[in-house]
Amino acid sequence: MKLIYAIVNNDDSHDVSSALTKSGFFATKLASTGGFLMSGNTTFMICADDDKIDQIIGIIKERSRRRKQYVPAGNFAGTEMHGGSYPVEVSVGGATIFVTDVERFEKI
């Protein structure tokens, strides 16, 4: 048995959650914040049998897309400019996924 931690941009959270539910997977959702842009994320915790891991990761990949976004350069530590800041293009979205072994799982 494995535990998947999937950190997903809030813009994709609903689609990921719906797709997982339609496929019969249950997830615990936690609100989280990214450290780089301080933007909102959702962290999904999903416990599943080993043979279902690739299917779950596939669902998350399909529903989490990377996109470009412009943010003021002053949002980054050490890049503050006097007299205003210029926009910088950054890549946001997608998912960060961790898979760990589960020693014991109980649903009471």
PDB file of N, CA and C in Angstrom:
ATOM      1  N   MET A   1       0.847  -1.171   0.000  1.00  0.00           N
ATOM      2  CA  MET A   1       0.000   0.000   0.000  1.00  0.00           C
ATOM      3  C   MET A   1       0.897   1.239   0.000  1.00  0.00           C
ATOM      4  N   LYS A   2       0.444   2.274  -0.689  1.00  0.00           N
ATOM      5  CA  LYS A   2       1.199   3.515  -0.816  1.00  0.00           C
ATOM      6  C   LYS A   2       0.340   4.708  -0.407  1.00  0.00           C
ATOM      7  N   LEU A   3       1.025   5.780  -0.025  1.00  0.00           N
ATOM      8  CA  LEU A   3       0.372   7.056   0.238  1.00  0.00           C
ATOM      9  C   LEU A   3       0.927   8.063  -0.745  1.00  0.00           C
ATOM     10  N   ILE A   4       0.042   8.685  -1.499  1.00  0.00           N
ATOM     11  CA  ILE A   4       0.425   9.707  -2.477  1.00  0.00           C
ATOM     12  C   ILE A   4       0.110  11.071  -1.879  1.00  0.00           C
ATOM     13  N   TYR A   5       1.115  11.945  -1.889  1.00  0.00           N
ATOM     14  CA  TYR A   5       0.920  13.358  -1.587  1.00  0.00           C
ATOM     15  C   TYR A   5       1.024  14.072  -2.931  1.00  0.00           C
ATOM     16  N   ALA A   6      -0.041  14.718  -3.358  1.00  0.00           N
ATOM     17  CA  ALA A   6      -0.039  15.440  -4.629  1.00  0.00           C
ATOM     18  C   ALA A   6      -0.361  16.905  -4.356  1.00  0.00           C
ATOM     19  N   ILE A   7       0.606  17.776  -4.617  1.00  0.00           N
ATOM     20  CA  ILE A   7       0.420  19.213  -4.409  1.00  0.00           C
ATOM     21  C   ILE A   7       0.026  19.809  -5.746  1.00  0.00           C
ATOM     22  N   VAL A   8      -1.175  20.375  -5.797  1.00  0.00           N
ATOM     23  CA  VAL A   8      -1.784  20.830  -7.045  1.00  0.00           C
ATOM     24  C   VAL A   8      -2.189  22.295  -6.894  1.00  0.00           C
ATOM     25  N   ASN A   9      -2.014  23.076  -7.949  1.00  0.00           N
ATOM     26  CA  ASN A   9      -2.443  24.470  -7.957  1.00  0.00           C
ATOM     27  C   ASN A   9      -3.951  24.535  -7.735  1.00  0.00           C
ATOM     28  N   ASN A  10      -4.398  25.520  -6.968  1.00  0.00           N
ATOM     29  CA  ASN A  10      -5.832  25.656  -6.688  1.00  0.00           C
ATOM     30  C   ASN A  10      -6.680  25.737  -7.951  1.00  0.00           C
ATOM     31  N   ASP A  11      -6.130  26.293  -9.033  1.00  0.00           N
ATOM     32  CA  ASP A  11      -6.888  26.397 -10.286  1.00  0.00           C
ATOM     33  C   ASP A  11      -7.253  25.023 -10.842  1.00  0.00           C
ATOM     34  N   ASP A  12      -6.465  23.996 -10.523  1.00  0.00           N
ATOM     35  CA  ASP A  12      -6.701  22.643 -11.032  1.00  0.00           C
ATOM     36  C   ASP A  12      -7.327  21.715 -10.005  1.00  0.00           C
ATOM     37  N   SER A  13      -7.454  22.175  -8.784  1.00  0.00           N
ATOM     38  CA  SER A  13      -7.882  21.329  -7.668  1.00  0.00           C
ATOM     39  C   SER A  13      -9.242  20.674  -7.904  1.00  0.00           C
ATOM     40  N   HIS A  14     -10.209  21.443  -8.340  1.00  0.00           N
ATOM     41  CA  HIS A  14     -11.556  20.897  -8.538  1.00  0.00           C
ATOM     42  C   HIS A  14     -11.560  19.796  -9.599  1.00  0.00           C
ATOM     43  N   ASP A  15     -10.873  20.020 -10.717  1.00  0.00           N
ATOM     44  CA  ASP A  15     -10.817  19.017 -11.790  1.00  0.00           C
ATOM     45  C   ASP A  15     -10.144  17.732 -11.313  1.00  0.00           C
ATOM     46  N   VAL A  16      -9.052  17.871 -10.564  1.00  0.00           N
ATOM     47  CA  VAL A  16      -8.356  16.695 -10.041  1.00  0.00           C
ATOM     48  C   VAL A  16      -9.269  15.934  -9.092  1.00  0.00           C
ATOM     49  N   SER A  17      -9.897  16.649  -8.171  1.00  0.00           N
ATOM     50  CA  SER A  17     -10.780  16.020  -7.190  1.00  0.00           C
ATOM     51  C   SER A  17     -11.937  15.285  -7.867  1.00  0.00           C
ATOM     52  N   SER A  18     -12.563  15.926  -8.834  1.00  0.00           N
ATOM     53  CA  SER A  18     -13.693  15.310  -9.548  1.00  0.00           C
ATOM     54  C   SER A  18     -13.256  14.053 -10.303  1.00  0.00           C
ATOM     55  N   ALA A  19     -12.125  14.129 -10.979  1.00  0.00           N
ATOM     56  CA  ALA A  19     -11.634  12.981 -11.758  1.00  0.00           C
ATOM     57  C   ALA A  19     -11.264  11.811 -10.845  1.00  0.00           C
ATOM     58  N   LEU A  20     -10.643  12.099  -9.711  1.00  0.00           N
ATOM     59  CA  LEU A  20     -10.307  11.032  -8.773  1.00  0.00           C
ATOM     60  C   LEU A  20     -11.571  10.358  -8.244  1.00  0.00           C
ATOM     61  N   THR A  21     -12.572  11.171  -7.877  1.00  0.00           N
ATOM     62  CA  THR A  21     -13.822  10.637  -7.348  1.00  0.00           C
ATOM     63  C   THR A  21     -14.544   9.793  -8.390  1.00  0.00           C
ATOM     64  N   LYS A  22     -14.607  10.269  -9.634  1.00  0.00           N
ATOM     65  CA  LYS A  22     -15.261   9.516 -10.712  1.00  0.00           C
ATOM     66  C   LYS A  22     -14.590   8.174 -10.965  1.00  0.00           C
ATOM     67  N   SER A  23     -13.283   8.120 -10.685  1.00  0.00           N
ATOM     68  CA  SER A  23     -12.536   6.872 -10.883  1.00  0.00           C
ATOM     69  C   SER A  23     -12.554   5.979  -9.653  1.00  0.00           C
ATOM     70  N   GLY A  24     -13.262   6.404  -8.597  1.00  0.00           N
ATOM     71  CA  GLY A  24     -13.418   5.582  -7.414  1.00  0.00           C
ATOM     72  C   GLY A  24     -12.348   5.743  -6.350  1.00  0.00           C
ATOM     73  N   PHE A  25     -11.546   6.804  -6.453  1.00  0.00           N
ATOM     74  CA  PHE A  25     -10.506   7.043  -5.457  1.00  0.00           C
ATOM     75  C   PHE A  25     -10.950   8.126  -4.488  1.00  0.00           C
ATOM     76  N   PHE A  26     -10.575   7.950  -3.240  1.00  0.00           N
ATOM     77  CA  PHE A  26     -10.907   8.917  -2.204  1.00  0.00           C
ATOM     78  C   PHE A  26      -9.640   9.649  -1.793  1.00  0.00           C
ATOM     79  N   ALA A  27      -9.770  10.932  -1.536  1.00  0.00           N
ATOM     80  CA  ALA A  27      -8.611  11.746  -1.172  1.00  0.00           C
ATOM     81  C   ALA A  27      -8.978  12.697  -0.043  1.00  0.00           C
ATOM     82  N   THR A  28      -8.014  12.953   0.802  1.00  0.00           N
ATOM     83  CA  THR A  28      -8.137  13.998   1.798  1.00  0.00           C
ATOM     84  C   THR A  28      -7.480  15.236   1.224  1.00  0.00           C
ATOM     85  N   LYS A  29      -8.161  16.365   1.277  1.00  0.00           N
ATOM     86  CA  LYS A  29      -7.633  17.607   0.716  1.00  0.00           C
ATOM     87  C   LYS A  29      -7.217  18.544   1.838  1.00  0.00           C
ATOM     88  N   LEU A  30      -6.032  19.104   1.693  1.00  0.00           N
ATOM     89  CA  LEU A  30      -5.514  20.083   2.649  1.00  0.00           C
ATOM     90  C   LEU A  30      -5.165  21.363   1.907  1.00  0.00           C
ATOM     91  N   ALA A  31      -5.507  22.500   2.476  1.00  0.00           N
ATOM     92  CA  ALA A  31      -5.091  23.781   1.902  1.00  0.00           C
ATOM     93  C   ALA A  31      -3.606  23.966   2.203  1.00  0.00           C
ATOM     94  N   SER A  32      -2.846  24.398   1.203  1.00  0.00           N
ATOM     95  CA  SER A  32      -1.418  24.629   1.392  1.00  0.00           C
ATOM     96  C   SER A  32      -1.004  25.846   0.584  1.00  0.00           C
ATOM     97  N   THR A  33       0.174  26.355   0.890  1.00  0.00           N
ATOM     98  CA  THR A  33       0.675  27.547   0.204  1.00  0.00           C
ATOM     99  C   THR A  33       2.075  27.279  -0.313  1.00  0.00           C
ATOM    100  N   GLY A  34       2.305  27.623  -1.570  1.00  0.00           N
ATOM    101  CA  GLY A  34       3.634  27.459  -2.148  1.00  0.00           C
ATOM    102  C   GLY A  34       4.584  28.517  -1.625  1.00  0.00           C
ATOM    103  N   GLY A  35       5.823  28.156  -1.442  1.00  0.00           N
ATOM    104  CA  GLY A  35       6.810  29.082  -0.904  1.00  0.00           C
ATOM    105  C   GLY A  35       7.348  30.066  -1.916  1.00  0.00           C
ATOM    106  N   PHE A  36       7.356  29.719  -3.191  1.00  0.00           N
ATOM    107  CA  PHE A  36       7.958  30.567  -4.218  1.00  0.00           C
ATOM    108  C   PHE A  36       7.093  31.783  -4.526  1.00  0.00           C
ATOM    109  N   LEU A  37       5.863  31.565  -4.920  1.00  0.00           N
ATOM    110  CA  LEU A  37       4.953  32.669  -5.253  1.00  0.00           C
ATOM    111  C   LEU A  37       3.938  32.938  -4.153  1.00  0.00           C
ATOM    112  N   MET A  38       4.003  32.157  -3.085  1.00  0.00           N
ATOM    113  CA  MET A  38       3.045  32.279  -1.983  1.00  0.00           C
ATOM    114  C   MET A  38       1.611  32.136  -2.499  1.00  0.00           C
ATOM    115  N   SER A  39       1.433  31.266  -3.496  1.00  0.00           N
ATOM    116  CA  SER A  39       0.110  31.080  -4.081  1.00  0.00           C
ATOM    117  C   SER A  39      -0.575  29.874  -3.462  1.00  0.00           C
ATOM    118  N   GLY A  40      -1.894  29.826  -3.596  1.00  0.00           N
ATOM    119  CA  GLY A  40      -2.679  28.756  -3.005  1.00  0.00           C
ATOM    120  C   GLY A  40      -2.554  27.446  -3.755  1.00  0.00           C
ATOM    121  N   ASN A  41      -2.422  26.382  -2.990  1.00  0.00           N
ATOM    122  CA  ASN A  41      -2.375  25.031  -3.528  1.00  0.00           C
ATOM    123  C   ASN A  41      -3.335  24.165  -2.734  1.00  0.00           C
ATOM    124  N   THR A  42      -3.588  22.989  -3.266  1.00  0.00           N
ATOM    125  CA  THR A  42      -4.302  21.957  -2.539  1.00  0.00           C
ATOM    126  C   THR A  42      -3.398  20.747  -2.494  1.00  0.00           C
ATOM    127  N   THR A  43      -3.211  20.190  -1.311  1.00  0.00           N
ATOM    128  CA  THR A  43      -2.436  18.970  -1.172  1.00  0.00           C
ATOM    129  C   THR A  43      -3.415  17.820  -0.978  1.00  0.00           C
ATOM    130  N   PHE A  44      -3.357  16.863  -1.895  1.00  0.00           N
ATOM    131  CA  PHE A  44      -4.195  15.673  -1.819  1.00  0.00           C
ATOM    132  C   PHE A  44      -3.398  14.561  -1.158  1.00  0.00           C
ATOM    133  N   MET A  45      -4.032  13.860  -0.227  1.00  0.00           N
ATOM    134  CA  MET A  45      -3.448  12.664   0.374  1.00  0.00           C
ATOM    135  C   MET A  45      -4.325  11.491  -0.050  1.00  0.00           C
ATOM    136  N   ILE A  46      -3.723  10.535  -0.778  1.00  0.00           N
ATOM    137  CA  ILE A  46      -4.481   9.428  -1.341  1.00  0.00           C
ATOM    138  C   ILE A  46      -3.782   8.127  -0.977  1.00  0.00           C
ATOM    139  N   CYS A  47      -4.483   7.238  -0.311  1.00  0.00           N
ATOM    140  CA  CYS A  47      -3.935   5.940   0.042  1.00  0.00           C
ATOM    141  C   CYS A  47      -4.510   4.917  -0.942  1.00  0.00           C
ATOM    142  N   ALA A  48      -3.626   4.087  -1.524  1.00  0.00           N
ATOM    143  CA  ALA A  48      -4.096   3.139  -2.529  1.00  0.00           C
ATOM    144  C   ALA A  48      -3.170   1.931  -2.597  1.00  0.00           C
ATOM    145  N   ASP A  49      -3.686   0.859  -3.165  1.00  0.00           N
ATOM    146  CA  ASP A  49      -2.868  -0.323  -3.406  1.00  0.00           C
ATOM    147  C   ASP A  49      -1.805  -0.010  -4.458  1.00  0.00           C
ATOM    148  N   ASP A  50      -0.708  -0.725  -4.376  1.00  0.00           N
ATOM    149  CA  ASP A  50       0.438  -0.479  -5.258  1.00  0.00           C
ATOM    150  C   ASP A  50       0.063  -0.482  -6.743  1.00  0.00           C
ATOM    151  N   ASP A  51      -0.842  -1.378  -7.139  1.00  0.00           N
ATOM    152  CA  ASP A  51      -1.183  -1.493  -8.558  1.00  0.00           C
ATOM    153  C   ASP A  51      -2.060  -0.348  -9.071  1.00  0.00           C
ATOM    154  N   LYS A  52      -2.527   0.539  -8.200  1.00  0.00           N
ATOM    155  CA  LYS A  52      -3.371   1.677  -8.603  1.00  0.00           C
ATOM    156  C   LYS A  52      -2.582   2.989  -8.695  1.00  0.00           C
ATOM    157  N   ILE A  53      -1.336   2.993  -8.269  1.00  0.00           N
ATOM    158  CA  ILE A  53      -0.548   4.225  -8.191  1.00  0.00           C
ATOM    159  C   ILE A  53      -0.389   4.889  -9.550  1.00  0.00           C
ATOM    160  N   ASP A  54      -0.022   4.128 -10.568  1.00  0.00           N
ATOM    161  CA  ASP A  54       0.165   4.718 -11.905  1.00  0.00           C
ATOM    162  C   ASP A  54      -1.129   5.309 -12.444  1.00  0.00           C
ATOM    163  N   GLN A  55      -2.257   4.671 -12.180  1.00  0.00           N
ATOM    164  CA  GLN A  55      -3.555   5.189 -12.630  1.00  0.00           C
ATOM    165  C   GLN A  55      -3.853   6.525 -11.953  1.00  0.00           C
ATOM    166  N   ILE A  56      -3.608   6.606 -10.657  1.00  0.00           N
ATOM    167  CA  ILE A  56      -3.870   7.844  -9.911  1.00  0.00           C
ATOM    168  C   ILE A  56      -2.963   8.961 -10.399  1.00  0.00           C
ATOM    169  N   ILE A  57      -1.688   8.665 -10.567  1.00  0.00           N
ATOM    170  CA  ILE A  57      -0.754   9.685 -11.057  1.00  0.00           C
ATOM    171  C   ILE A  57      -1.151  10.136 -12.459  1.00  0.00           C
ATOM    172  N   GLY A  58      -1.628   9.226 -13.280  1.00  0.00           N
ATOM    173  CA  GLY A  58      -2.099   9.585 -14.621  1.00  0.00           C
ATOM    174  C   GLY A  58      -3.270  10.556 -14.578  1.00  0.00           C
ATOM    175  N   ILE A  59      -4.197  10.326 -13.672  1.00  0.00           N
ATOM    176  CA  ILE A  59      -5.344  11.233 -13.510  1.00  0.00           C
ATOM    177  C   ILE A  59      -4.863  12.623 -13.101  1.00  0.00           C
ATOM    178  N   ILE A  60      -3.957  12.665 -12.141  1.00  0.00           N
ATOM    179  CA  ILE A  60      -3.436  13.956 -11.668  1.00  0.00           C
ATOM    180  C   ILE A  60      -2.710  14.682 -12.795  1.00  0.00           C
ATOM    181  N   LYS A  61      -1.907  13.966 -13.581  1.00  0.00           N
ATOM    182  CA  LYS A  61      -1.184  14.578 -14.709  1.00  0.00           C
ATOM    183  C   LYS A  61      -2.140  15.145 -15.750  1.00  0.00           C
ATOM    184  N   GLU A  62      -3.210  14.406 -16.043  1.00  0.00           N
ATOM    185  CA  GLU A  62      -4.190  14.861 -17.039  1.00  0.00           C
ATOM    186  C   GLU A  62      -4.894  16.140 -16.624  1.00  0.00           C
ATOM    187  N   ARG A  63      -5.114  16.312 -15.325  1.00  0.00           N
ATOM    188  CA  ARG A  63      -5.930  17.417 -14.824  1.00  0.00           C
ATOM    189  C   ARG A  63      -5.126  18.580 -14.253  1.00  0.00           C
ATOM    190  N   SER A  64      -3.808  18.444 -14.191  1.00  0.00           N
ATOM    191  CA  SER A  64      -2.954  19.516 -13.649  1.00  0.00           C
ATOM    192  C   SER A  64      -2.067  20.019 -14.769  1.00  0.00           C
ATOM    193  N   ARG A  65      -2.318  21.213 -15.222  1.00  0.00           N
ATOM    194  CA  ARG A  65      -1.521  21.706 -16.354  1.00  0.00           C
ATOM    195  C   ARG A  65      -0.646  22.877 -15.930  1.00  0.00           C
ATOM    196  N   ARG A  66       0.518  22.938 -16.562  1.00  0.00           N
ATOM    197  CA  ARG A  66       1.429  24.057 -16.328  1.00  0.00           C
ATOM    198  C   ARG A  66       1.026  25.195 -17.256  1.00  0.00           C
ATOM    199  N   ARG A  67       1.186  26.415 -16.777  1.00  0.00           N
ATOM    200  CA  ARG A  67       0.862  27.590 -17.583  1.00  0.00           C
ATOM    201  C   ARG A  67       1.785  28.734 -17.189  1.00  0.00           C
ATOM    202  N   LYS A  68       1.856  29.718 -18.024  1.00  0.00           N
ATOM    203  CA  LYS A  68       2.694  30.892 -17.771  1.00  0.00           C
ATOM    204  C   LYS A  68       1.863  31.963 -17.081  1.00  0.00           C
ATOM    205  N   GLN A  69       2.527  32.692 -16.206  1.00  0.00           N
ATOM    206  CA  GLN A  69       1.865  33.775 -15.477  1.00  0.00           C
ATOM    207  C   GLN A  69       2.886  34.882 -15.276  1.00  0.00           C
ATOM    208  N   TYR A  70       2.434  36.115 -15.330  1.00  0.00           N
ATOM    209  CA  TYR A  70       3.318  37.252 -15.078  1.00  0.00           C
ATOM    210  C   TYR A  70       3.103  37.759 -13.660  1.00  0.00           C
ATOM    211  N   VAL A  71       4.188  37.950 -12.951  1.00  0.00           N
ATOM    212  CA  VAL A  71       4.129  38.476 -11.583  1.00  0.00           C
ATOM    213  C   VAL A  71       5.132  39.608 -11.462  1.00  0.00           C
ATOM    214  N   PRO A  72       4.880  40.573 -10.581  1.00  0.00           N
ATOM    215  CA  PRO A  72       5.850  41.656 -10.388  1.00  0.00           C
ATOM    216  C   PRO A  72       7.169  41.108  -9.851  1.00  0.00           C
ATOM    217  N   ALA A  73       8.274  41.601 -10.376  1.00  0.00           N
ATOM    218  CA  ALA A  73       9.591  41.123  -9.962  1.00  0.00           C
ATOM    219  C   ALA A  73       9.819  41.356  -8.475  1.00  0.00           C
ATOM    220  N   GLY A  74       9.184  42.344  -7.892  1.00  0.00           N
ATOM    221  CA  GLY A  74       9.326  42.637  -6.474  1.00  0.00           C
ATOM    222  C   GLY A  74       8.786  41.540  -5.573  1.00  0.00           C
ATOM    223  N   ASN A  75       8.068  40.566  -6.144  1.00  0.00           N
ATOM    224  CA  ASN A  75       7.547  39.451  -5.355  1.00  0.00           C
ATOM    225  C   ASN A  75       8.635  38.470  -4.944  1.00  0.00           C
ATOM    226  N   PHE A  76       9.804  38.569  -5.549  1.00  0.00           N
ATOM    227  CA  PHE A  76      10.875  37.632  -5.271  1.00  0.00           C
ATOM    228  C   PHE A  76      11.870  38.254  -4.311  1.00  0.00           C
ATOM    229  N   ALA A  77      12.301  37.518  -3.336  1.00  0.00           N
ATOM    230  CA  ALA A  77      13.263  38.017  -2.357  1.00  0.00           C
ATOM    231  C   ALA A  77      14.555  38.426  -3.054  1.00  0.00           C
ATOM    232  N   GLY A  78      15.044  39.596  -2.714  1.00  0.00           N
ATOM    233  CA  GLY A  78      16.311  40.064  -3.273  1.00  0.00           C
ATOM    234  C   GLY A  78      16.198  40.718  -4.632  1.00  0.00           C
ATOM    235  N   THR A  79      14.984  40.824  -5.182  1.00  0.00           N
ATOM    236  CA  THR A  79      14.849  41.422  -6.514  1.00  0.00           C
ATOM    237  C   THR A  79      14.066  42.728  -6.473  1.00  0.00           C
ATOM    238  N   GLU A  80      13.847  43.246  -5.301  1.00  0.00           N
ATOM    239  CA  GLU A  80      13.086  44.488  -5.200  1.00  0.00           C
ATOM    240  C   GLU A  80      13.848  45.626  -5.874  1.00  0.00           C
ATOM    241  N   MET A  81      13.113  46.377  -6.659  1.00  0.00           N
ATOM    242  CA  MET A  81      13.725  47.494  -7.372  1.00  0.00           C
ATOM    243  C   MET A  81      13.089  48.788  -6.892  1.00  0.00           C
ATOM    244  N   HIS A  82      13.875  49.808  -6.803  1.00  0.00           N
ATOM    245  CA  HIS A  82      13.345  51.107  -6.404  1.00  0.00           C
ATOM    246  C   HIS A  82      12.608  51.723  -7.578  1.00  0.00           C
ATOM    247  N   GLY A  83      11.490  52.364  -7.298  1.00  0.00           N
ATOM    248  CA  GLY A  83      10.739  53.029  -8.351  1.00  0.00           C
ATOM    249  C   GLY A  83       9.810  52.097  -9.104  1.00  0.00           C
ATOM    250  N   GLY A  84       9.453  50.947  -8.535  1.00  0.00           N
ATOM    251  CA  GLY A  84       8.517  50.041  -9.189  1.00  0.00           C
ATOM    252  C   GLY A  84       9.199  48.748  -9.584  1.00  0.00           C
ATOM    253  N   SER A  85       8.404  47.846 -10.084  1.00  0.00           N
ATOM    254  CA  SER A  85       8.959  46.561 -10.504  1.00  0.00           C
ATOM    255  C   SER A  85       8.394  46.202 -11.864  1.00  0.00           C
ATOM    256  N   TYR A  86       9.118  45.382 -12.557  1.00  0.00           N
ATOM    257  CA  TYR A  86       8.705  44.967 -13.893  1.00  0.00           C
ATOM    258  C   TYR A  86       8.141  43.544 -13.801  1.00  0.00           C
ATOM    259  N   PRO A  87       7.239  43.161 -14.700  1.00  0.00           N
ATOM    260  CA  PRO A  87       6.663  41.813 -14.631  1.00  0.00           C
ATOM    261  C   PRO A  87       7.665  40.764 -15.126  1.00  0.00           C
ATOM    262  N   VAL A  88       7.622  39.609 -14.489  1.00  0.00           N
ATOM    263  CA  VAL A  88       8.470  38.488 -14.848  1.00  0.00           C
ATOM    264  C   VAL A  88       7.573  37.302 -15.153  1.00  0.00           C
ATOM    265  N   GLU A  89       7.866  36.601 -16.249  1.00  0.00           N
ATOM    266  CA  GLU A  89       7.080  35.426 -16.605  1.00  0.00           C
ATOM    267  C   GLU A  89       7.587  34.218 -15.815  1.00  0.00           C
ATOM    268  N   VAL A  90       6.653  33.517 -15.159  1.00  0.00           N
ATOM    269  CA  VAL A  90       6.995  32.309 -14.411  1.00  0.00           C
ATOM    270  C   VAL A  90       6.045  31.186 -14.819  1.00  0.00           C
ATOM    271  N   SER A  91       6.475  29.978 -14.613  1.00  0.00           N
ATOM    272  CA  SER A  91       5.661  28.811 -14.897  1.00  0.00           C
ATOM    273  C   SER A  91       4.959  28.392 -13.607  1.00  0.00           C
ATOM    274  N   VAL A  92       3.636  28.235 -13.661  1.00  0.00           N
ATOM    275  CA  VAL A  92       2.858  27.824 -12.490  1.00  0.00           C
ATOM    276  C   VAL A  92       2.004  26.621 -12.866  1.00  0.00           C
ATOM    277  N   GLY A  93       1.443  26.002 -11.860  1.00  0.00           N
ATOM    278  CA  GLY A  93       0.560  24.868 -12.106  1.00  0.00           C
ATOM    279  C   GLY A  93       1.313  23.563 -12.138  1.00  0.00           C
ATOM    280  N   GLY A  94       0.689  22.578 -12.740  1.00  0.00           N
ATOM    281  CA  GLY A  94       1.268  21.240 -12.710  1.00  0.00           C
ATOM    282  C   GLY A  94       1.034  20.618 -11.345  1.00  0.00           C
ATOM    283  N   ALA A  95       1.805  19.620 -11.033  1.00  0.00           N
ATOM    284  CA  ALA A  95       1.663  18.953  -9.742  1.00  0.00           C
ATOM    285  C   ALA A  95       3.022  18.473  -9.272  1.00  0.00           C
ATOM    286  N   THR A  96       3.183  18.439  -7.970  1.00  0.00           N
ATOM    287  CA  THR A  96       4.342  17.822  -7.345  1.00  0.00           C
ATOM    288  C   THR A  96       3.815  16.626  -6.579  1.00  0.00           C
ATOM    289  N   ILE A  97       4.371  15.448  -6.870  1.00  0.00           N
ATOM    290  CA  ILE A  97       3.820  14.211  -6.325  1.00  0.00           C
ATOM    291  C   ILE A  97       4.895  13.439  -5.567  1.00  0.00           C
ATOM    292  N   PHE A  98       4.543  13.014  -4.364  1.00  0.00           N
ATOM    293  CA  PHE A  98       5.399  12.156  -3.549  1.00  0.00           C
ATOM    294  C   PHE A  98       4.641  10.857  -3.301  1.00  0.00           C
ATOM    295  N   VAL A  99       5.329   9.734  -3.413  1.00  0.00           N
ATOM    296  CA  VAL A  99       4.720   8.437  -3.123  1.00  0.00           C
ATOM    297  C   VAL A  99       5.553   7.765  -2.037  1.00  0.00           C
ATOM    298  N   THR A 100       4.900   7.381  -0.942  1.00  0.00           N
ATOM    299  CA  THR A 100       5.591   6.752   0.174  1.00  0.00           C
ATOM    300  C   THR A 100       4.910   5.427   0.540  1.00  0.00           C
ATOM    301  N   ASP A 101       5.673   4.550   1.160  1.00  0.00           N
ATOM    302  CA  ASP A 101       5.114   3.290   1.649  1.00  0.00           C
ATOM    303  C   ASP A 101       4.247   3.549   2.869  1.00  0.00           C
ATOM    304  N   VAL A 102       3.204   2.745   3.013  1.00  0.00           N
ATOM    305  CA  VAL A 102       2.325   2.833   4.180  1.00  0.00           C
ATOM    306  C   VAL A 102       2.478   1.534   4.958  1.00  0.00           C
ATOM    307  N   GLU A 103       2.823   1.679   6.210  1.00  0.00           N
ATOM    308  CA  GLU A 103       2.992   0.508   7.066  1.00  0.00           C
ATOM    309  C   GLU A 103       1.635  -0.009   7.566  1.00  0.00           C
ATOM    310  N   ARG A 104       0.744   0.928   7.840  1.00  0.00           N
ATOM    311  CA  ARG A 104      -0.579   0.560   8.351  1.00  0.00           C
ATOM    312  C   ARG A 104      -1.587   1.609   7.920  1.00  0.00           C
ATOM    313  N   PHE A 105      -2.778   1.154   7.528  1.00  0.00           N
ATOM    314  CA  PHE A 105      -3.860   2.059   7.134  1.00  0.00           C
ATOM    315  C   PHE A 105      -5.158   1.528   7.720  1.00  0.00           C
ATOM    316  N   GLU A 106      -5.882   2.395   8.403  1.00  0.00           N
ATOM    317  CA  GLU A 106      -7.191   2.033   8.944  1.00  0.00           C
ATOM    318  C   GLU A 106      -8.167   3.151   8.639  1.00  0.00           C
ATOM    319  N   LYS A 107      -9.345   2.775   8.220  1.00  0.00           N
ATOM    320  CA  LYS A 107     -10.427   3.745   8.027  1.00  0.00           C
ATOM    321  C   LYS A 107     -11.525   3.355   8.996  1.00  0.00           C
ATOM    322  N   ILE A 108     -11.690   4.152  10.034  1.00  0.00           N
ATOM    323  CA  ILE A 108     -12.602   3.805  11.125  1.00  0.00           C
ATOM    324  C   ILE A 108     -13.876   4.610  11.015  1.00  0.00           C
TER     325      ILE A 108
END
